[in-house]
């Protein structure tokens, strides 16, 4: 079945509506405390990719929610004042804040952004890379998300304090090369993890042999008209393939387009997406990833750039 633009746009807008109706009065998603700022950042990226502007009320409220929960040490996501902050949560929250803010807001909160970048940079392990959460063990996907959020902060500001992450480029490229499995995966053959690393390395500006090996790994898991066994994995898989390879490669294009069709068929009647294909309960995180993936696919088909560049 051929996919029409109207069908794709309709699915995206239903997903956007579902996400907006799940936004809490505090401006965040999931919970109003500081443990869900990363989820809120992820939703902001999805909504911005879908076409919402930084002036949209939902975006403005979400941006305010994130920055108001920043801890004195710079972390944006944390569960206790006495416990270490979350690296991946802070990275997602920071990226969402940067993507969702207008120029005036970015200028006003420059020191807050610098503090978040510093908190992330200081969390790099001696062996290279980051843990998703302190004590949780080295994580390649979290490392890619942290690296990109710092890099994106550097793109948003001209002050040298934000340019420091640029020196990670060559060293981290070699680190990801050493950490990659022979089959092209990262994080112990984790499909969505590998897709996330490929996505953020590509957005970072690197599409070398490691990323191409990851593309091959993702394509090897294209079965039954989808990448992965859940909307979560399929959404990340589509994002990874689009960022790393685009739509010019016919093999990649087929995998992406069939996966998109499968995602559209999996959309629930309320507009959200479930964790599993046989489930009927939608989740904010899954819906955000799928809306992001569908929106990026739509934008690339129209020859448009991603909101992330």
C-alpha atoms as a PDB file:
ATOM      1  CA  UNK A   1       0.000   0.000   0.000  1.00  0.00           C
ATOM      2  CA  UNK A   2       1.417   3.359  -1.039  1.00  0.00           C
ATOM      3  CA  UNK A   3       1.618   5.997   1.646  1.00  0.00           C
ATOM      4  CA  UNK A   4       0.027   9.348   0.877  1.00  0.00           C
ATOM      5  CA  UNK A   5       1.196  12.648   2.310  1.00  0.00           C
ATOM      6  CA  UNK A   6      -2.265  13.239   3.777  1.00  0.00           C
ATOM      7  CA  UNK A   7      -2.145   9.930   5.658  1.00  0.00           C
ATOM      8  CA  UNK A   8       1.312  10.675   6.994  1.00  0.00           C
ATOM      9  CA  UNK A   9       0.392  14.219   8.006  1.00  0.00           C
ATOM     10  CA  UNK A  10      -2.795  13.014   9.650  1.00  0.00           C
ATOM     11  CA  UNK A  11      -0.911  10.478  11.764  1.00  0.00           C
ATOM     12  CA  UNK A  12       1.643  13.085  12.813  1.00  0.00           C
ATOM     13  CA  UNK A  13      -1.014  15.601  13.818  1.00  0.00           C
ATOM     14  CA  UNK A  14      -2.978  13.005  15.793  1.00  0.00           C
ATOM     15  CA  UNK A  15       0.234  12.130  17.613  1.00  0.00           C
ATOM     16  CA  UNK A  16       0.945  15.799  18.287  1.00  0.00           C
ATOM     17  CA  UNK A  17      -2.568  16.291  19.646  1.00  0.00           C
ATOM     18  CA  UNK A  18      -2.204  13.236  21.884  1.00  0.00           C
ATOM     19  CA  UNK A  19       1.079  14.538  23.295  1.00  0.00           C
ATOM     20  CA  UNK A  20      -0.288  18.026  23.889  1.00  0.00           C
ATOM     21  CA  UNK A  21      -3.309  16.679  25.765  1.00  0.00           C
ATOM     22  CA  UNK A  22      -0.953  14.700  28.042  1.00  0.00           C
ATOM     23  CA  UNK A  23       1.046  17.760  29.057  1.00  0.00           C
ATOM     24  CA  UNK A  24       0.678  18.436  32.772  1.00  0.00           C
ATOM     25  CA  UNK A  25      -0.254  21.803  34.266  1.00  0.00           C
ATOM     26  CA  UNK A  26       3.359  22.249  35.383  1.00  0.00           C
ATOM     27  CA  UNK A  27       4.433  22.173  31.731  1.00  0.00           C
ATOM     28  CA  UNK A  28       6.145  18.802  31.760  1.00  0.00           C
ATOM     29  CA  UNK A  29       5.277  15.275  30.748  1.00  0.00           C
ATOM     30  CA  UNK A  30       5.288  12.183  32.944  1.00  0.00           C
ATOM     31  CA  UNK A  31       5.542  13.966  36.286  1.00  0.00           C
ATOM     32  CA  UNK A  32       5.989  17.465  37.679  1.00  0.00           C
ATOM     33  CA  UNK A  33       9.167  16.711  39.602  1.00  0.00           C
ATOM     34  CA  UNK A  34      12.743  16.814  38.356  1.00  0.00           C
ATOM     35  CA  UNK A  35      12.794  13.115  37.426  1.00  0.00           C
ATOM     36  CA  UNK A  36      10.998  13.615  34.091  1.00  0.00           C
ATOM     37  CA  UNK A  37      12.754  16.581  32.516  1.00  0.00           C
ATOM     38  CA  UNK A  38      14.477  14.267  30.038  1.00  0.00           C
ATOM     39  CA  UNK A  39      11.123  12.957  28.823  1.00  0.00           C
ATOM     40  CA  UNK A  40       9.916  16.522  28.469  1.00  0.00           C
ATOM     41  CA  UNK A  41      12.994  17.376  26.415  1.00  0.00           C
ATOM     42  CA  UNK A  42      12.332  14.406  24.130  1.00  0.00           C
ATOM     43  CA  UNK A  43       8.736  15.531  23.593  1.00  0.00           C
ATOM     44  CA  UNK A  44       9.882  19.068  22.769  1.00  0.00           C
ATOM     45  CA  UNK A  45      12.202  17.764  20.038  1.00  0.00           C
ATOM     46  CA  UNK A  46       9.372  15.673  18.580  1.00  0.00           C
ATOM     47  CA  UNK A  47       6.898  18.565  18.609  1.00  0.00           C
ATOM     48  CA  UNK A  48       9.415  20.948  17.052  1.00  0.00           C
ATOM     49  CA  UNK A  49      10.250  18.401  14.335  1.00  0.00           C
ATOM     50  CA  UNK A  50       6.517  18.059  13.717  1.00  0.00           C
ATOM     51  CA  UNK A  51       6.326  21.769  12.975  1.00  0.00           C
ATOM     52  CA  UNK A  52       5.429  23.526  16.226  1.00  0.00           C
ATOM     53  CA  UNK A  53       7.263  26.798  16.756  1.00  0.00           C
ATOM     54  CA  UNK A  54       9.064  27.966  19.865  1.00  0.00           C
ATOM     55  CA  UNK A  55       6.141  30.361  20.382  1.00  0.00           C
ATOM     56  CA  UNK A  56       3.658  27.514  20.801  1.00  0.00           C
ATOM     57  CA  UNK A  57       2.196  27.573  24.309  1.00  0.00           C
ATOM     58  CA  UNK A  58       3.036  23.905  24.922  1.00  0.00           C
ATOM     59  CA  UNK A  59       6.667  24.446  23.953  1.00  0.00           C
ATOM     60  CA  UNK A  60       7.039  27.587  26.044  1.00  0.00           C
ATOM     61  CA  UNK A  61       5.566  25.877  29.107  1.00  0.00           C
ATOM     62  CA  UNK A  62       7.812  22.839  28.624  1.00  0.00           C
ATOM     63  CA  UNK A  63      10.951  24.970  28.277  1.00  0.00           C
ATOM     64  CA  UNK A  64      10.045  26.807  31.479  1.00  0.00           C
ATOM     65  CA  UNK A  65       9.396  23.503  33.259  1.00  0.00           C
ATOM     66  CA  UNK A  66      12.864  22.180  32.387  1.00  0.00           C
ATOM     67  CA  UNK A  67      14.947  25.187  33.342  1.00  0.00           C
ATOM     68  CA  UNK A  68      13.103  25.780  36.613  1.00  0.00           C
ATOM     69  CA  UNK A  69      14.129  22.330  37.817  1.00  0.00           C
ATOM     70  CA  UNK A  70      17.848  22.769  37.279  1.00  0.00           C
ATOM     71  CA  UNK A  71      19.954  21.919  40.301  1.00  0.00           C
ATOM     72  CA  UNK A  72      22.789  24.146  41.534  1.00  0.00           C
ATOM     73  CA  UNK A  73      25.390  21.733  40.134  1.00  0.00           C
ATOM     74  CA  UNK A  74      23.910  22.112  36.645  1.00  0.00           C
ATOM     75  CA  UNK A  75      21.971  18.860  36.326  1.00  0.00           C
ATOM     76  CA  UNK A  76      18.532  19.175  34.783  1.00  0.00           C
ATOM     77  CA  UNK A  77      17.277  15.704  35.723  1.00  0.00           C
ATOM     78  CA  UNK A  78      17.696  14.237  39.194  1.00  0.00           C
ATOM     79  CA  UNK A  79      15.672  12.299  41.745  1.00  0.00           C
ATOM     80  CA  UNK A  80      17.186  13.514  45.017  1.00  0.00           C
ATOM     81  CA  UNK A  81      19.143  16.624  46.079  1.00  0.00           C
ATOM     82  CA  UNK A  82      21.780  14.355  47.616  1.00  0.00           C
ATOM     83  CA  UNK A  83      22.071  11.871  44.729  1.00  0.00           C
ATOM     84  CA  UNK A  84      24.050  12.318  41.489  1.00  0.00           C
ATOM     85  CA  UNK A  85      22.096  13.721  38.572  1.00  0.00           C
ATOM     86  CA  UNK A  86      21.188  11.778  35.440  1.00  0.00           C
ATOM     87  CA  UNK A  87      23.513  12.195  32.470  1.00  0.00           C
ATOM     88  CA  UNK A  88      21.144  10.984  29.762  1.00  0.00           C
ATOM     89  CA  UNK A  89      18.186  12.766  31.373  1.00  0.00           C
ATOM     90  CA  UNK A  90      20.099  16.034  31.583  1.00  0.00           C
ATOM     91  CA  UNK A  91      21.293  15.622  27.989  1.00  0.00           C
ATOM     92  CA  UNK A  92      17.742  15.118  26.709  1.00  0.00           C
ATOM     93  CA  UNK A  93      16.398  17.954  28.825  1.00  0.00           C
ATOM     94  CA  UNK A  94      19.177  20.259  27.622  1.00  0.00           C
ATOM     95  CA  UNK A  95      18.585  19.381  23.976  1.00  0.00           C
ATOM     96  CA  UNK A  96      14.859  19.961  24.362  1.00  0.00           C
ATOM     97  CA  UNK A  97      15.462  23.287  26.082  1.00  0.00           C
ATOM     98  CA  UNK A  98      17.818  24.432  23.318  1.00  0.00           C
ATOM     99  CA  UNK A  99      15.518  23.295  20.505  1.00  0.00           C
ATOM    100  CA  UNK A 100      12.431  24.787  22.113  1.00  0.00           C
ATOM    101  CA  UNK A 101      13.819  28.172  23.154  1.00  0.00           C
ATOM    102  CA  UNK A 102      13.751  31.392  21.179  1.00  0.00           C
ATOM    103  CA  UNK A 103      16.820  33.632  20.952  1.00  0.00           C
ATOM    104  CA  UNK A 104      15.746  35.820  23.849  1.00  0.00           C
ATOM    105  CA  UNK A 105      15.308  32.825  26.156  1.00  0.00           C
ATOM    106  CA  UNK A 106      18.640  31.352  25.114  1.00  0.00           C
ATOM    107  CA  UNK A 107      20.411  34.599  25.884  1.00  0.00           C
ATOM    108  CA  UNK A 108      18.695  34.987  29.248  1.00  0.00           C
ATOM    109  CA  UNK A 109      19.594  31.467  30.385  1.00  0.00           C
ATOM    110  CA  UNK A 110      23.122  31.323  28.947  1.00  0.00           C
ATOM    111  CA  UNK A 111      24.703  30.685  32.356  1.00  0.00           C
ATOM    112  CA  UNK A 112      22.204  27.907  33.072  1.00  0.00           C
ATOM    113  CA  UNK A 113      23.069  26.199  29.801  1.00  0.00           C
ATOM    114  CA  UNK A 114      26.779  26.574  30.557  1.00  0.00           C
ATOM    115  CA  UNK A 115      26.208  24.960  33.943  1.00  0.00           C
ATOM    116  CA  UNK A 116      24.411  21.998  32.347  1.00  0.00           C
ATOM    117  CA  UNK A 117      27.188  21.555  29.775  1.00  0.00           C
ATOM    118  CA  UNK A 118      29.770  21.615  32.564  1.00  0.00           C
ATOM    119  CA  UNK A 119      27.861  18.993  34.572  1.00  0.00           C
ATOM    120  CA  UNK A 120      27.785  16.700  31.551  1.00  0.00           C
ATOM    121  CA  UNK A 121      31.420  17.273  30.594  1.00  0.00           C
ATOM    122  CA  UNK A 122      32.588  16.501  34.123  1.00  0.00           C
ATOM    123  CA  UNK A 123      30.774  13.175  34.016  1.00  0.00           C
ATOM    124  CA  UNK A 124      32.977  11.645  31.331  1.00  0.00           C
ATOM    125  CA  UNK A 125      34.528   8.435  32.620  1.00  0.00           C
ATOM    126  CA  UNK A 126      38.319   7.864  32.653  1.00  0.00           C
ATOM    127  CA  UNK A 127      37.923   5.218  29.950  1.00  0.00           C
ATOM    128  CA  UNK A 128      35.843   7.579  27.821  1.00  0.00           C
ATOM    129  CA  UNK A 129      32.096   7.824  27.454  1.00  0.00           C
ATOM    130  CA  UNK A 130      29.312   8.308  29.956  1.00  0.00           C
ATOM    131  CA  UNK A 131      26.963   6.299  32.090  1.00  0.00           C
ATOM    132  CA  UNK A 132      23.242   6.824  31.503  1.00  0.00           C
ATOM    133  CA  UNK A 133      22.933   7.344  35.258  1.00  0.00           C
ATOM    134  CA  UNK A 134      25.819   7.392  37.765  1.00  0.00           C
ATOM    135  CA  UNK A 135      26.595   3.867  38.904  1.00  0.00           C
ATOM    136  CA  UNK A 136      24.681   2.263  36.055  1.00  0.00           C
ATOM    137  CA  UNK A 137      27.679   1.311  33.937  1.00  0.00           C
ATOM    138  CA  UNK A 138      29.068   2.614  30.678  1.00  0.00           C
ATOM    139  CA  UNK A 139      26.441   3.257  27.999  1.00  0.00           C
ATOM    140  CA  UNK A 140      27.182   3.898  24.347  1.00  0.00           C
ATOM    141  CA  UNK A 141      23.743   5.290  23.531  1.00  0.00           C
ATOM    142  CA  UNK A 142      23.847   7.634  26.520  1.00  0.00           C
ATOM    143  CA  UNK A 143      27.347   8.735  25.511  1.00  0.00           C
ATOM    144  CA  UNK A 144      26.087   9.653  22.047  1.00  0.00           C
ATOM    145  CA  UNK A 145      23.174  11.643  23.475  1.00  0.00           C
ATOM    146  CA  UNK A 146      25.398  13.505  25.938  1.00  0.00           C
ATOM    147  CA  UNK A 147      27.983  14.278  23.264  1.00  0.00           C
ATOM    148  CA  UNK A 148      25.389  15.643  20.870  1.00  0.00           C
ATOM    149  CA  UNK A 149      23.569  17.799  23.407  1.00  0.00           C
ATOM    150  CA  UNK A 150      26.872  19.479  24.320  1.00  0.00           C
ATOM    151  CA  UNK A 151      27.720  19.905  20.652  1.00  0.00           C
ATOM    152  CA  UNK A 152      24.297  21.417  19.954  1.00  0.00           C
ATOM    153  CA  UNK A 153      24.811  23.877  22.795  1.00  0.00           C
ATOM    154  CA  UNK A 154      28.037  24.919  21.073  1.00  0.00           C
ATOM    155  CA  UNK A 155      26.107  25.583  17.873  1.00  0.00           C
ATOM    156  CA  UNK A 156      23.615  27.795  19.681  1.00  0.00           C
ATOM    157  CA  UNK A 157      26.188  30.053  21.331  1.00  0.00           C
ATOM    158  CA  UNK A 158      29.336  31.823  20.164  1.00  0.00           C
ATOM    159  CA  UNK A 159      30.998  32.066  23.581  1.00  0.00           C
ATOM    160  CA  UNK A 160      34.107  29.883  23.800  1.00  0.00           C
ATOM    161  CA  UNK A 161      32.823  28.180  26.933  1.00  0.00           C
ATOM    162  CA  UNK A 162      30.385  26.272  24.716  1.00  0.00           C
ATOM    163  CA  UNK A 163      32.988  25.349  22.115  1.00  0.00           C
ATOM    164  CA  UNK A 164      34.920  23.055  24.440  1.00  0.00           C
ATOM    165  CA  UNK A 165      32.922  19.943  23.448  1.00  0.00           C
ATOM    166  CA  UNK A 166      34.322  20.272  19.924  1.00  0.00           C
ATOM    167  CA  UNK A 167      37.628  18.792  21.058  1.00  0.00           C
ATOM    168  CA  UNK A 168      35.806  15.521  21.741  1.00  0.00           C
ATOM    169  CA  UNK A 169      35.329  14.924  18.010  1.00  0.00           C
ATOM    170  CA  UNK A 170      38.343  12.805  17.025  1.00  0.00           C
ATOM    171  CA  UNK A 171      38.782  11.173  20.419  1.00  0.00           C
ATOM    172  CA  UNK A 172      35.112  10.156  20.726  1.00  0.00           C
ATOM    173  CA  UNK A 173      35.024   8.908  17.153  1.00  0.00           C
ATOM    174  CA  UNK A 174      37.832   6.517  17.989  1.00  0.00           C
ATOM    175  CA  UNK A 175      36.075   5.589  21.235  1.00  0.00           C
ATOM    176  CA  UNK A 176      32.871   4.606  19.426  1.00  0.00           C
ATOM    177  CA  UNK A 177      34.936   2.646  16.901  1.00  0.00           C
ATOM    178  CA  UNK A 178      36.572   0.630  19.681  1.00  0.00           C
ATOM    179  CA  UNK A 179      33.248   0.043  21.433  1.00  0.00           C
ATOM    180  CA  UNK A 180      31.387  -1.164  18.342  1.00  0.00           C
ATOM    181  CA  UNK A 181      30.738  -4.895  17.940  1.00  0.00           C
ATOM    182  CA  UNK A 182      31.846  -6.718  14.815  1.00  0.00           C
ATOM    183  CA  UNK A 183      28.248  -6.880  13.587  1.00  0.00           C
ATOM    184  CA  UNK A 184      27.965  -3.089  13.668  1.00  0.00           C
ATOM    185  CA  UNK A 185      25.985  -2.752  16.888  1.00  0.00           C
ATOM    186  CA  UNK A 186      26.550  -0.947  20.165  1.00  0.00           C
ATOM    187  CA  UNK A 187      25.385  -1.735  23.692  1.00  0.00           C
ATOM    188  CA  UNK A 188      25.419  -5.522  23.320  1.00  0.00           C
ATOM    189  CA  UNK A 189      23.410  -5.849  20.092  1.00  0.00           C
ATOM    190  CA  UNK A 190      20.695  -3.467  21.290  1.00  0.00           C
ATOM    191  CA  UNK A 191      18.829  -2.333  18.173  1.00  0.00           C
ATOM    192  CA  UNK A 192      17.331   0.931  19.410  1.00  0.00           C
ATOM    193  CA  UNK A 193      20.588   1.760  21.224  1.00  0.00           C
ATOM    194  CA  UNK A 194      22.554   1.267  18.017  1.00  0.00           C
ATOM    195  CA  UNK A 195      20.057   3.408  16.126  1.00  0.00           C
ATOM    196  CA  UNK A 196      20.454   6.188  18.693  1.00  0.00           C
ATOM    197  CA  UNK A 197      24.246   6.150  18.405  1.00  0.00           C
ATOM    198  CA  UNK A 198      24.009   6.235  14.596  1.00  0.00           C
ATOM    199  CA  UNK A 199      21.479   9.074  14.789  1.00  0.00           C
ATOM    200  CA  UNK A 200      23.454  11.327  17.095  1.00  0.00           C
ATOM    201  CA  UNK A 201      26.837  10.635  15.488  1.00  0.00           C
ATOM    202  CA  UNK A 202      25.290  11.541  12.124  1.00  0.00           C
ATOM    203  CA  UNK A 203      23.764  14.717  13.544  1.00  0.00           C
ATOM    204  CA  UNK A 204      27.168  15.450  15.063  1.00  0.00           C
ATOM    205  CA  UNK A 205      28.537  15.409  11.522  1.00  0.00           C
ATOM    206  CA  UNK A 206      30.173  11.984  11.332  1.00  0.00           C
ATOM    207  CA  UNK A 207      28.935   9.288   8.930  1.00  0.00           C
ATOM    208  CA  UNK A 208      32.084   7.200   8.623  1.00  0.00           C
ATOM    209  CA  UNK A 209      32.582   3.447   8.572  1.00  0.00           C
ATOM    210  CA  UNK A 210      31.246   2.924  12.100  1.00  0.00           C
ATOM    211  CA  UNK A 211      27.956   4.605  11.233  1.00  0.00           C
ATOM    212  CA  UNK A 212      27.701   2.707   7.962  1.00  0.00           C
ATOM    213  CA  UNK A 213      28.281  -0.563   9.821  1.00  0.00           C
ATOM    214  CA  UNK A 214      25.462   0.443  12.156  1.00  0.00           C
ATOM    215  CA  UNK A 215      23.213   1.032   9.138  1.00  0.00           C
ATOM    216  CA  UNK A 216      23.982  -2.510   7.965  1.00  0.00           C
ATOM    217  CA  UNK A 217      23.109  -3.823  11.430  1.00  0.00           C
ATOM    218  CA  UNK A 218      19.775  -1.994  11.390  1.00  0.00           C
ATOM    219  CA  UNK A 219      18.944  -3.226   7.892  1.00  0.00           C
ATOM    220  CA  UNK A 220      19.741  -6.786   8.962  1.00  0.00           C
ATOM    221  CA  UNK A 221      16.913  -6.434  11.484  1.00  0.00           C
ATOM    222  CA  UNK A 222      14.378  -5.272   8.910  1.00  0.00           C
ATOM    223  CA  UNK A 223      11.827  -8.074   8.968  1.00  0.00           C
ATOM    224  CA  UNK A 224       8.067  -8.293   8.523  1.00  0.00           C
ATOM    225  CA  UNK A 225       7.954  -4.760   7.107  1.00  0.00           C
ATOM    226  CA  UNK A 226       9.553  -3.110  10.118  1.00  0.00           C
ATOM    227  CA  UNK A 227      12.820  -2.505  11.928  1.00  0.00           C
ATOM    228  CA  UNK A 228      12.662  -4.040  15.382  1.00  0.00           C
ATOM    229  CA  UNK A 229       9.863  -5.661  17.322  1.00  0.00           C
ATOM    230  CA  UNK A 230       8.276  -2.621  18.965  1.00  0.00           C
ATOM    231  CA  UNK A 231       7.188   0.891  17.921  1.00  0.00           C
ATOM    232  CA  UNK A 232       9.956   2.207  20.195  1.00  0.00           C
ATOM    233  CA  UNK A 233      12.641   0.256  18.337  1.00  0.00           C
ATOM    234  CA  UNK A 234      11.092   0.947  14.935  1.00  0.00           C
ATOM    235  CA  UNK A 235      10.897   4.675  15.624  1.00  0.00           C
ATOM    236  CA  UNK A 236      14.546   4.886  16.652  1.00  0.00           C
ATOM    237  CA  UNK A 237      15.485   2.633  13.723  1.00  0.00           C
ATOM    238  CA  UNK A 238      13.822   4.990  11.256  1.00  0.00           C
ATOM    239  CA  UNK A 239      15.527   7.993  12.858  1.00  0.00           C
ATOM    240  CA  UNK A 240      18.916   6.285  12.731  1.00  0.00           C
ATOM    241  CA  UNK A 241      18.590   5.274   9.083  1.00  0.00           C
ATOM    242  CA  UNK A 242      17.297   8.670   7.973  1.00  0.00           C
ATOM    243  CA  UNK A 243      20.073  10.592   9.715  1.00  0.00           C
ATOM    244  CA  UNK A 244      22.832   8.208   8.661  1.00  0.00           C
ATOM    245  CA  UNK A 245      21.802   7.360   5.110  1.00  0.00           C
ATOM    246  CA  UNK A 246      18.855   9.500   4.005  1.00  0.00           C
ATOM    247  CA  UNK A 247      16.426   8.323   1.337  1.00  0.00           C
ATOM    248  CA  UNK A 248      18.694   8.079  -1.728  1.00  0.00           C
ATOM    249  CA  UNK A 249      19.768   4.496  -1.051  1.00  0.00           C
ATOM    250  CA  UNK A 250      16.918   2.295  -2.390  1.00  0.00           C
ATOM    251  CA  UNK A 251      17.467  -0.417   0.234  1.00  0.00           C
ATOM    252  CA  UNK A 252      17.341   2.095   3.072  1.00  0.00           C
ATOM    253  CA  UNK A 253      14.368   3.863   1.514  1.00  0.00           C
ATOM    254  CA  UNK A 254      12.372   0.633   1.292  1.00  0.00           C
ATOM    255  CA  UNK A 255      13.122  -0.269   4.913  1.00  0.00           C
ATOM    256  CA  UNK A 256      12.174   3.214   6.097  1.00  0.00           C
ATOM    257  CA  UNK A 257       8.971   3.493   4.067  1.00  0.00           C
ATOM    258  CA  UNK A 258       7.685   0.059   5.050  1.00  0.00           C
ATOM    259  CA  UNK A 259       8.554   0.741   8.677  1.00  0.00           C
ATOM    260  CA  UNK A 260       6.667   4.034   8.479  1.00  0.00           C
ATOM    261  CA  UNK A 261       3.613   2.219   7.126  1.00  0.00           C
ATOM    262  CA  UNK A 262       3.826  -0.286   9.977  1.00  0.00           C
ATOM    263  CA  UNK A 263       4.013   2.553  12.488  1.00  0.00           C
ATOM    264  CA  UNK A 264       0.954   4.219  10.977  1.00  0.00           C
ATOM    265  CA  UNK A 265      -0.972   0.968  11.246  1.00  0.00           C
ATOM    266  CA  UNK A 266       0.073   0.644  14.901  1.00  0.00           C
ATOM    267  CA  UNK A 267      -1.230   4.075  15.904  1.00  0.00           C
ATOM    268  CA  UNK A 268      -3.970   3.713  18.497  1.00  0.00           C
ATOM    269  CA  UNK A 269      -7.395   5.277  18.086  1.00  0.00           C
ATOM    270  CA  UNK A 270      -6.544   7.973  20.643  1.00  0.00           C
ATOM    271  CA  UNK A 271      -3.536   9.087  18.562  1.00  0.00           C
ATOM    272  CA  UNK A 272      -0.706   7.648  20.647  1.00  0.00           C
ATOM    273  CA  UNK A 273       1.611   4.681  20.149  1.00  0.00           C
ATOM    274  CA  UNK A 274       2.060   1.669  22.451  1.00  0.00           C
ATOM    275  CA  UNK A 275       5.258   0.133  23.796  1.00  0.00           C
ATOM    276  CA  UNK A 276       4.550  -3.134  21.951  1.00  0.00           C
ATOM    277  CA  UNK A 277       2.730  -3.761  18.689  1.00  0.00           C
ATOM    278  CA  UNK A 278       0.146  -5.977  20.404  1.00  0.00           C
ATOM    279  CA  UNK A 279      -0.524  -3.484  23.214  1.00  0.00           C
ATOM    280  CA  UNK A 280      -3.346  -0.944  23.424  1.00  0.00           C
ATOM    281  CA  UNK A 281      -1.837   1.482  25.942  1.00  0.00           C
ATOM    282  CA  UNK A 282       0.015   4.527  24.612  1.00  0.00           C
ATOM    283  CA  UNK A 283       3.103   6.030  26.252  1.00  0.00           C
ATOM    284  CA  UNK A 284       4.518   9.542  26.015  1.00  0.00           C
ATOM    285  CA  UNK A 285       8.090   8.417  25.338  1.00  0.00           C
ATOM    286  CA  UNK A 286       7.123   6.005  22.560  1.00  0.00           C
ATOM    287  CA  UNK A 287       4.714   8.457  20.960  1.00  0.00           C
ATOM    288  CA  UNK A 288       7.343  11.203  21.034  1.00  0.00           C
ATOM    289  CA  UNK A 289       9.923   9.017  19.283  1.00  0.00           C
ATOM    290  CA  UNK A 290       7.434   7.899  16.620  1.00  0.00           C
ATOM    291  CA  UNK A 291       6.178  11.445  15.990  1.00  0.00           C
ATOM    292  CA  UNK A 292       9.803  12.554  15.674  1.00  0.00           C
ATOM    293  CA  UNK A 293      10.562   9.743  13.215  1.00  0.00           C
ATOM    294  CA  UNK A 294       7.470  10.310  11.072  1.00  0.00           C
ATOM    295  CA  UNK A 295       8.058  14.064  11.035  1.00  0.00           C
ATOM    296  CA  UNK A 296      11.701  13.707  10.016  1.00  0.00           C
ATOM    297  CA  UNK A 297      10.665  11.331   7.226  1.00  0.00           C
ATOM    298  CA  UNK A 298       8.040  13.835   6.031  1.00  0.00           C
ATOM    299  CA  UNK A 299      10.488  16.724   6.173  1.00  0.00           C
ATOM    300  CA  UNK A 300      13.177  14.870   4.224  1.00  0.00           C
ATOM    301  CA  UNK A 301      10.630  13.895   1.582  1.00  0.00           C
ATOM    302  CA  UNK A 302       9.850  17.584   1.168  1.00  0.00           C
ATOM    303  CA  UNK A 303      13.537  18.465   0.981  1.00  0.00           C
ATOM    304  CA  UNK A 304      13.483  20.199   4.353  1.00  0.00           C
ATOM    305  CA  UNK A 305      16.143  20.129   7.051  1.00  0.00           C
ATOM    306  CA  UNK A 306      15.586  18.604  10.455  1.00  0.00           C
ATOM    307  CA  UNK A 307      14.980  20.992  13.333  1.00  0.00           C
ATOM    308  CA  UNK A 308      18.334  19.700  14.620  1.00  0.00           C
ATOM    309  CA  UNK A 309      20.074  20.709  11.407  1.00  0.00           C
END
